[in-house]
Amino acid sequence: MAQWIGRLKAKVWPNRRKKRKEYKVVLENMRLSKIHFIIDYHIRSIRRSVARPDLRCGPKDELRFKFDSTVKFIYTDETSDELQDRVLDSGWLPHAVIRIGIRRQLQQRIGMIHETSFEEGLSRKMEYVKALRSRPIAIETAVANEQHYEVGTGVFQACLGPRMKYSCCLYPKGSETLAQAEVAMLETYAEKAQLKDGQSILDLGYFDQDLCGWGSAALYFAEVFPNSTITAFSNSHTQKEYIDAQAKAKGLRNLTVITGDVVTYDFTPLSYDRVVSIELFEHMKNYELLMSKVSRALKSGGKLFVHIFAHCSMPYDFEGGWMTTHFFTGGTMPSADLLLYFQKDLTLEQQWWVNGKHYARTCEVCISFAISAYAIIPV
C-alpha cells in the first residue's frame, strides 16, 4: 500500500522533491563523520609512524587497512609521492596489502607490452633494438650505483645466504635450503660456461652486488679451480675490501679484485679464457658496444657466459614506478632473444632457460630472513 501511495504522489506532483526523513539525514551525517574520522585517524597515525619509525600498527590497524575502502584516499588523492614512499618504508602497511599493489603494477606492465599481433610485436622489438644501438653502453650509472650500495652490508648479510649470492638461486628438487640453492646455481655457471682448472677467468660485475659486489661467483670459482687465475671486476672500493677479506679468510691466493667502470674501463686485450657475467646486462643498453669490449678482452677461442633475467618475448626499459625510482634506474628488461640481435663480435653458441619460479622462491626465502631479522639488522 505504501509503495502504491508513493507512485500516486509521484504522478500527482511529478516535480515535487522528496523530503528525506529526519532520522535518515542524521544517519547519513553520522556515516560521513565516521568516514572523515577514519581518514583523519589514519593520516595522523601515518604521520606519527613516519616521525617514529619504531611504532608499528597492531592487528586492528592491519585489518582496517585491509578492509576499509575509505583508506584508499590516503594513498591516492590526499598524499604526495614522497609521503607514500615514507609510509611504505615505515613498515605500516601489511605485506598482504603491498603484494596486492605489486600485482596490480604487474598487470599494468602486462597491459603495456601486450601484443595484438605477431607483426606488431616484432615491429616494436626491432624499433627497440635499433634504439639500443644508438645509446651508450649504460645510462644513469651514478644513480643506479647509489641505489645498490646505499644499504649497509649488515642488511644483505641478514637477507642472503652464506655465500651472499645477490641473484637467482636454483632449486632443482624444490626442498633445498638457500645455502644449497646458492651452490646449485654456482655449479651450473661453472658447467655451462665450460670453466676448467687453469683458465684465466674474468668475473665481470658492475654495480650489481651479486657478482663482484659480494664476490659470490668469484670466490666460488677461486675455491673449485685453485690453479685458475680469477679476476673480479667491480666499481666499489668498499666491496673490493669485503672480497679481499673473504679471500684471505678462505686462504685463496688466486683471486684479484680490480675496480673501475665497465663503461670506460679498458681491459687488457687477449687476457681471459672466459668472461662470466651474472645479471649485469640488465643494467646495460648498447649491447653491441659491450660485446665488442668483451671480445677484445678474450683470448682466441675464449667465451662469454651471461646470466640474465628476461621477459619471454618483449624487451622494454624500466621507466616510472617504484622499481625504476628506487632500484633499477636506467635498467632494461631484455627479452629471451634480445642478445641474438647483437652478434657482430661474439656469436651465440648455446642458450638455456631457467623457470622464473626459482627466482621467486629465492626472493621469498630472502624476505622471510629479512622479516625475522628486522629488529636486529645493523644498518
Protein backbone atom coordinates (compact mmCIF):
# COMPACT_ATOMS: atom_id res chain seq x y z
CA MET A 1 0.00 0.00 0.00
CA ALA A 2 2.81 2.44 0.89
CA GLN A 3 4.51 1.83 -2.45
CA TRP A 4 1.22 2.40 -4.33
CA ILE A 5 0.64 5.68 -2.48
CA GLY A 6 4.21 6.74 -3.28
CA ARG A 7 3.74 6.12 -7.01
CA LEU A 8 0.43 8.03 -6.90
CA LYS A 9 2.12 11.05 -5.28
CA ALA A 10 4.82 10.97 -7.95
CA LYS A 11 2.19 11.19 -10.69
CA VAL A 12 0.19 13.96 -8.99
CA TRP A 13 3.25 16.06 -8.07
CA PRO A 14 5.94 15.00 -10.59
CA ASN A 15 8.25 17.98 -9.85
CA ARG A 16 7.99 17.82 -6.11
CA ARG A 17 11.29 16.90 -4.44
CA LYS A 18 11.02 14.07 -1.97
CA LYS A 19 11.79 15.20 1.56
CA ARG A 20 14.23 12.94 3.38
CA LYS A 21 13.08 11.78 6.78
CA GLU A 22 14.96 13.41 9.62
CA TYR A 23 16.35 10.16 11.00
CA LYS A 24 17.86 9.29 7.59
CA VAL A 25 19.58 12.67 7.41
CA VAL A 26 21.04 12.11 10.86
CA LEU A 27 22.32 8.62 9.90
CA GLU A 28 23.89 9.96 6.70
CA ASN A 29 25.69 12.71 8.62
CA MET A 30 26.92 10.12 11.13
CA ARG A 31 28.27 7.97 8.31
CA LEU A 32 30.13 10.89 6.73
CA SER A 33 31.56 11.86 10.11
CA LYS A 34 32.80 8.29 10.57
CA ILE A 35 34.48 8.30 7.17
CA HIS A 36 36.16 11.62 7.86
CA PHE A 37 37.27 10.36 11.27
CA ILE A 38 38.79 7.19 9.78
CA ILE A 39 40.69 9.12 7.12
CA ASP A 40 41.90 11.68 9.64
CA TYR A 41 42.84 8.92 12.09
CA HIS A 42 44.99 7.13 9.54
CA ILE A 43 46.63 10.30 8.27
CA ARG A 44 47.58 11.24 11.83
CA SER A 45 48.71 7.70 12.57
CA ILE A 46 50.80 7.53 9.41
CA ARG A 47 52.46 10.85 10.09
CA ARG A 48 53.16 9.69 13.65
CA SER A 49 54.71 6.45 12.38
CA VAL A 50 56.87 8.37 9.91
CA ALA A 51 58.12 10.54 12.74
CA ARG A 52 58.51 7.46 15.00
CA PRO A 53 59.76 4.53 12.87
CA ASP A 54 59.79 2.34 15.99
CA LEU A 55 55.96 2.37 16.06
CA ARG A 56 54.11 -0.35 14.19
CA CYS A 57 50.41 -0.95 13.63
CA GLY A 58 48.59 -3.57 15.64
CA PRO A 59 46.12 -6.21 14.44
CA LYS A 60 43.14 -3.82 14.38
CA ASP A 61 45.04 -1.31 12.29
CA GLU A 62 46.11 -4.06 9.87
CA LEU A 63 42.50 -5.16 9.44
CA ARG A 64 41.36 -1.62 8.86
CA PHE A 65 44.00 -1.07 6.19
CA LYS A 66 42.97 -4.29 4.53
CA PHE A 67 39.20 -3.99 4.58
CA ASP A 68 38.27 -0.30 4.91
CA SER A 69 37.80 1.01 1.37
CA THR A 70 37.90 4.62 2.55
CA VAL A 71 41.59 4.30 3.34
CA LYS A 72 42.39 4.29 -0.38
CA PHE A 73 42.03 8.08 -0.42
CA ILE A 74 45.10 8.33 1.78
CA TYR A 75 47.29 6.77 -0.86
CA THR A 76 45.90 8.35 -3.99
CA ASP A 77 44.50 11.83 -3.86
CA GLU A 78 45.38 13.03 -0.39
CA THR A 79 49.14 12.48 -0.08
CA SER A 80 52.30 13.20 -2.03
CA ASP A 81 54.53 10.57 -3.65
CA GLU A 82 57.16 11.34 -1.06
CA LEU A 83 54.81 10.57 1.83
CA GLN A 84 53.68 7.38 0.12
CA ASP A 85 57.28 6.18 -0.08
CA ARG A 86 57.89 7.06 3.53
CA VAL A 87 54.77 5.19 4.59
CA LEU A 88 55.94 2.10 2.68
CA ASP A 89 59.39 2.35 4.26
CA SER A 90 57.96 2.87 7.75
CA GLY A 91 56.54 -0.66 7.86
CA TRP A 92 52.92 0.39 8.44
CA LEU A 93 51.42 -1.49 5.50
CA PRO A 94 50.89 -5.25 5.93
CA HIS A 95 52.75 -7.39 3.42
CA ALA A 96 49.47 -8.72 2.02
CA VAL A 97 48.48 -5.18 1.01
CA ILE A 98 51.90 -4.45 -0.52
CA ARG A 99 51.69 -7.65 -2.57
CA ILE A 100 48.30 -6.56 -3.92
CA GLY A 101 49.90 -3.31 -5.07
CA ILE A 102 52.78 -5.20 -6.69
CA ARG A 103 50.41 -7.48 -8.59
CA ARG A 104 48.43 -4.51 -9.84
CA GLN A 105 51.63 -2.94 -11.17
CA LEU A 106 52.50 -6.21 -12.86
CA GLN A 107 49.09 -6.26 -14.53
CA GLN A 108 49.67 -2.70 -15.74
CA ARG A 109 53.02 -3.73 -17.22
CA ILE A 110 51.45 -6.73 -18.96
CA GLY A 111 48.89 -4.41 -20.48
CA MET A 112 51.60 -2.02 -21.67
CA ILE A 113 53.58 -4.68 -23.53
CA HIS A 114 50.58 -6.65 -24.78
CA GLU A 115 50.89 -7.62 -28.43
CA THR A 116 47.76 -7.54 -30.57
CA SER A 117 49.56 -9.49 -33.29
CA PHE A 118 52.92 -11.10 -34.03
CA GLU A 119 53.61 -8.42 -36.64
CA GLU A 120 53.06 -5.63 -34.13
CA GLY A 121 55.23 -7.32 -31.50
CA LEU A 122 58.12 -7.89 -33.89
CA SER A 123 57.92 -4.33 -35.19
CA ARG A 124 58.11 -2.93 -31.65
CA LYS A 125 61.02 -5.21 -30.81
CA MET A 126 63.03 -4.17 -33.88
CA GLU A 127 62.44 -0.50 -33.05
CA TYR A 128 63.75 -1.18 -29.54
CA VAL A 129 66.84 -2.97 -30.88
CA LYS A 130 67.52 -0.02 -33.16
CA ALA A 131 67.20 2.39 -30.23
CA LEU A 132 69.65 0.34 -28.11
CA ARG A 133 72.29 0.56 -30.85
CA SER A 134 72.10 4.36 -30.74
CA ARG A 135 72.62 4.60 -26.96
CA PRO A 136 75.73 4.48 -24.78
CA ILE A 137 76.71 1.23 -23.07
CA ALA A 138 74.82 2.29 -19.93
CA ILE A 139 72.83 5.28 -18.66
CA GLU A 140 72.09 6.71 -15.20
CA THR A 141 75.09 4.83 -13.85
CA ALA A 142 75.69 7.12 -10.87
CA VAL A 143 72.07 6.90 -9.69
CA ALA A 144 71.88 3.14 -10.13
CA ASN A 145 75.15 2.64 -8.28
CA GLU A 146 73.85 4.68 -5.35
CA GLN A 147 70.65 2.63 -5.26
CA HIS A 148 72.57 -0.64 -4.98
CA TYR A 149 75.15 0.48 -2.43
CA GLU A 150 73.16 2.80 -0.16
CA VAL A 151 72.14 -0.12 2.09
CA GLY A 152 74.55 -1.37 4.73
CA THR A 153 76.34 -4.72 4.45
CA GLY A 154 74.52 -5.97 7.55
CA VAL A 155 71.17 -5.84 5.75
CA PHE A 156 72.38 -8.16 3.00
CA GLN A 157 74.09 -10.49 5.45
CA ALA A 158 70.73 -10.88 7.20
CA CYS A 159 68.79 -11.48 3.97
CA LEU A 160 71.10 -13.53 1.76
CA GLY A 161 72.63 -16.97 2.06
CA PRO A 162 76.10 -17.74 3.41
CA ARG A 163 77.72 -17.04 0.02
CA MET A 164 75.94 -13.67 -0.29
CA LYS A 165 74.58 -14.50 -3.74
CA TYR A 166 72.53 -11.48 -4.75
CA SER A 167 70.62 -13.06 -7.64
CA CYS A 168 68.59 -16.11 -8.64
CA CYS A 169 69.42 -19.39 -6.91
CA LEU A 170 68.50 -22.85 -8.16
CA TYR A 171 66.11 -25.33 -6.53
CA PRO A 172 66.32 -28.50 -8.67
CA LYS A 173 64.44 -30.64 -6.11
CA GLY A 174 62.42 -27.86 -4.52
CA SER A 175 63.44 -28.80 -0.99
CA GLU A 176 66.87 -27.14 -0.94
CA THR A 177 67.89 -24.59 1.65
CA LEU A 178 69.05 -21.19 0.39
CA ALA A 179 72.66 -22.22 1.04
CA GLN A 180 72.22 -25.33 -1.10
CA ALA A 181 70.39 -23.38 -3.81
CA GLU A 182 73.26 -20.88 -3.98
CA VAL A 183 75.77 -23.64 -4.64
CA ALA A 184 73.46 -25.38 -7.12
CA MET A 185 73.30 -22.27 -9.29
CA LEU A 186 77.03 -21.57 -8.99
CA GLU A 187 77.71 -25.12 -10.12
CA THR A 188 75.59 -24.61 -13.23
CA TYR A 189 77.60 -21.47 -14.05
CA ALA A 190 80.82 -23.46 -13.99
CA GLU A 191 79.32 -26.25 -16.09
CA LYS A 192 77.60 -24.10 -18.71
CA ALA A 193 80.50 -21.65 -19.02
CA GLN A 194 82.80 -24.66 -19.50
CA LEU A 195 85.16 -23.50 -16.80
CA LYS A 196 88.27 -25.60 -16.24
CA ASP A 197 91.07 -25.52 -13.74
CA GLY A 198 93.99 -23.48 -15.08
CA GLN A 199 91.92 -20.97 -17.06
CA SER A 200 92.08 -17.19 -16.74
CA ILE A 201 88.55 -16.12 -15.74
CA LEU A 202 87.08 -12.61 -15.55
CA ASP A 203 84.10 -12.19 -13.25
CA LEU A 204 82.52 -9.13 -14.85
CA GLY A 205 80.49 -7.08 -12.38
CA TYR A 206 79.27 -3.52 -12.42
CA PHE A 207 77.17 -2.05 -9.64
CA ASP A 208 75.25 -5.26 -9.08
CA GLN A 209 76.26 -6.69 -5.73
CA ASP A 210 75.86 -10.28 -6.82
CA LEU A 211 78.82 -10.95 -8.97
CA CYS A 212 81.67 -8.78 -7.91
CA GLY A 213 79.94 -6.71 -5.27
CA TRP A 214 79.88 -9.57 -2.76
CA GLY A 215 82.11 -11.88 -4.77
CA SER A 216 79.85 -14.95 -4.58
CA ALA A 217 80.83 -16.28 -8.02
CA ALA A 218 84.47 -15.14 -7.96
CA LEU A 219 85.08 -16.68 -4.53
CA TYR A 220 83.40 -19.92 -5.60
CA PHE A 221 85.47 -20.15 -8.80
CA ALA A 222 88.64 -19.50 -6.85
CA GLU A 223 87.75 -22.34 -4.46
CA VAL A 224 86.89 -25.03 -7.01
CA PHE A 225 89.55 -24.04 -9.57
CA PRO A 226 92.67 -23.47 -7.44
CA ASN A 227 95.02 -23.37 -10.46
CA SER A 228 92.95 -20.77 -12.29
CA THR A 229 93.52 -17.03 -12.18
CA ILE A 230 90.29 -15.30 -11.15
CA THR A 231 89.79 -11.58 -11.69
CA ALA A 232 86.75 -9.92 -10.12
CA PHE A 233 85.74 -6.56 -11.58
CA SER A 234 83.70 -4.05 -9.57
CA ASN A 235 83.39 -0.29 -9.25
CA SER A 236 83.19 -0.26 -5.45
CA HIS A 237 86.28 0.05 -3.25
CA THR A 238 84.17 -0.97 -0.24
CA GLN A 239 83.15 -4.23 -1.89
CA LYS A 240 86.74 -4.83 -3.01
CA GLU A 241 87.78 -4.71 0.65
CA TYR A 242 85.00 -7.17 1.51
CA ILE A 243 86.03 -9.67 -1.18
CA ASP A 244 89.71 -9.35 -0.31
CA ALA A 245 88.88 -10.06 3.33
CA GLN A 246 86.81 -13.13 2.39
CA ALA A 247 89.56 -14.44 0.12
CA LYS A 248 92.12 -14.01 2.88
CA ALA A 249 89.89 -15.78 5.40
CA LYS A 250 89.49 -18.71 2.97
CA GLY A 251 93.20 -18.80 2.15
CA LEU A 252 92.60 -18.03 -1.56
CA ARG A 253 95.60 -16.60 -3.41
CA ASN A 254 94.33 -16.90 -6.97
CA LEU A 255 91.74 -14.10 -6.75
CA THR A 256 92.37 -10.47 -7.66
CA VAL A 257 89.82 -7.67 -7.42
CA ILE A 258 90.12 -4.62 -9.69
CA THR A 259 87.87 -1.57 -9.51
CA GLY A 260 86.59 0.55 -12.36
CA ASP A 261 83.60 1.44 -14.52
CA VAL A 262 82.84 -1.16 -17.18
CA VAL A 263 81.65 1.62 -19.49
CA THR A 264 85.02 3.37 -19.59
CA TYR A 265 87.47 0.71 -18.39
CA ASP A 266 89.87 -0.72 -20.99
CA PHE A 267 90.60 -4.37 -20.32
CA THR A 268 93.94 -5.77 -21.38
CA PRO A 269 93.41 -7.38 -24.81
CA LEU A 270 93.56 -11.17 -25.17
CA SER A 271 93.70 -11.75 -21.40
CA TYR A 272 90.90 -14.16 -20.49
CA ASP A 273 89.76 -17.65 -21.45
CA ARG A 274 86.34 -16.99 -20.00
CA VAL A 275 84.28 -13.92 -19.08
CA VAL A 276 81.34 -14.62 -16.75
CA SER A 277 78.61 -12.03 -16.23
CA ILE A 278 75.76 -12.56 -13.74
CA GLU A 279 72.84 -10.12 -14.00
CA LEU A 280 74.98 -7.31 -15.35
CA PHE A 281 73.47 -6.99 -18.81
CA GLU A 282 70.11 -5.84 -17.39
CA HIS A 283 71.87 -2.61 -16.40
CA MET A 284 73.24 -2.08 -19.91
CA LYS A 285 71.80 -0.52 -23.08
CA ASN A 286 74.12 -0.77 -26.08
CA TYR A 287 74.96 -4.47 -26.15
CA GLU A 288 76.89 -4.10 -29.40
CA LEU A 289 79.46 -1.83 -27.75
CA LEU A 290 79.57 -4.03 -24.65
CA MET A 291 80.09 -7.23 -26.67
CA SER A 292 82.87 -5.54 -28.62
CA LYS A 293 84.62 -4.59 -25.36
CA VAL A 294 84.33 -8.14 -24.02
CA SER A 295 85.51 -9.75 -27.27
CA ARG A 296 88.72 -7.71 -27.21
CA ALA A 297 89.47 -8.97 -23.69
CA LEU A 298 89.01 -12.64 -24.66
CA LYS A 299 91.80 -14.87 -25.86
CA SER A 300 91.46 -16.74 -29.14
CA GLY A 301 88.79 -19.37 -28.56
CA GLY A 302 87.59 -17.61 -25.42
CA LYS A 303 83.91 -17.48 -24.46
CA LEU A 304 81.45 -15.21 -22.66
CA PHE A 305 78.81 -16.68 -20.33
CA VAL A 306 75.85 -14.42 -19.47
CA HIS A 307 73.21 -14.98 -16.79
CA ILE A 308 70.41 -12.51 -17.49
CA PHE A 309 66.78 -12.32 -16.37
CA ALA A 310 64.36 -11.77 -19.23
CA HIS A 311 60.79 -11.46 -20.41
CA CYS A 312 59.78 -14.33 -22.68
CA SER A 313 59.12 -12.15 -25.74
CA MET A 314 59.13 -8.35 -25.31
CA PRO A 315 62.07 -6.17 -24.15
CA TYR A 316 61.48 -2.78 -22.56
CA ASP A 317 63.07 -0.02 -20.48
CA PHE A 318 62.33 0.49 -16.81
CA GLU A 319 60.58 3.87 -16.86
CA GLY A 320 58.48 5.14 -13.97
CA GLY A 321 57.23 3.30 -10.91
CA TRP A 322 58.80 2.27 -7.62
CA MET A 323 61.22 -0.21 -9.22
CA THR A 324 62.69 2.44 -11.51
CA THR A 325 62.81 5.18 -8.88
CA HIS A 326 64.38 3.19 -6.07
CA PHE A 327 66.16 0.19 -7.54
CA PHE A 328 66.59 -0.01 -11.30
CA THR A 329 67.04 3.47 -12.77
CA GLY A 330 68.36 3.14 -16.32
CA GLY A 331 67.63 -0.59 -16.31
CA THR A 332 66.49 -2.89 -19.10
CA MET A 333 64.14 -5.85 -19.17
CA PRO A 334 65.58 -7.93 -22.02
CA SER A 335 63.58 -10.45 -23.98
CA ALA A 336 64.82 -14.02 -24.17
CA ASP A 337 66.06 -13.47 -27.72
CA LEU A 338 67.42 -9.93 -27.37
CA LEU A 339 71.14 -10.82 -27.47
CA LEU A 340 70.57 -12.65 -30.77
CA TYR A 341 70.42 -9.22 -32.40
CA PHE A 342 73.93 -8.31 -31.18
CA GLN A 343 76.28 -10.92 -32.67
CA LYS A 344 78.69 -8.68 -34.55
CA ASP A 345 81.70 -9.58 -32.37
CA LEU A 346 80.53 -12.68 -30.48
CA THR A 347 78.30 -15.47 -31.79
CA LEU A 348 75.71 -17.26 -29.67
CA GLU A 349 76.66 -20.91 -29.20
CA GLN A 350 74.00 -22.16 -26.76
CA GLN A 351 71.12 -20.79 -24.72
CA TRP A 352 69.26 -22.07 -21.64
CA TRP A 353 66.02 -21.06 -19.94
CA VAL A 354 65.54 -21.23 -16.15
CA ASN A 355 61.97 -21.14 -14.84
CA GLY A 356 61.17 -17.89 -13.03
CA LYS A 357 59.81 -19.87 -10.08
CA HIS A 358 63.42 -20.36 -8.93
CA TYR A 359 63.86 -16.59 -8.66
CA ALA A 360 60.51 -16.24 -6.92
CA ARG A 361 61.50 -18.85 -4.34
CA THR A 362 64.84 -17.13 -3.82
CA CYS A 363 63.13 -13.81 -3.14
CA GLU A 364 60.57 -15.38 -0.79
CA VAL A 365 63.31 -17.00 1.29
CA CYS A 366 65.33 -13.78 1.41
CA ILE A 367 62.37 -11.67 2.50
CA SER A 368 61.50 -14.22 5.20
CA PHE A 369 65.06 -13.87 6.51
CA ALA A 370 64.71 -10.08 6.44
CA ILE A 371 61.44 -10.14 8.39
CA SER A 372 62.89 -12.49 11.00
CA ALA A 373 65.98 -10.33 11.46
CA TYR A 374 64.21 -6.95 11.18
CA ALA A 375 64.74 -5.90 14.78
CA ILE A 376 68.46 -6.71 14.84
CA ILE A 377 69.74 -5.74 11.38
CA PRO A 378 72.66 -3.27 11.69
CA VAL A 379 72.44 -0.54 9.07
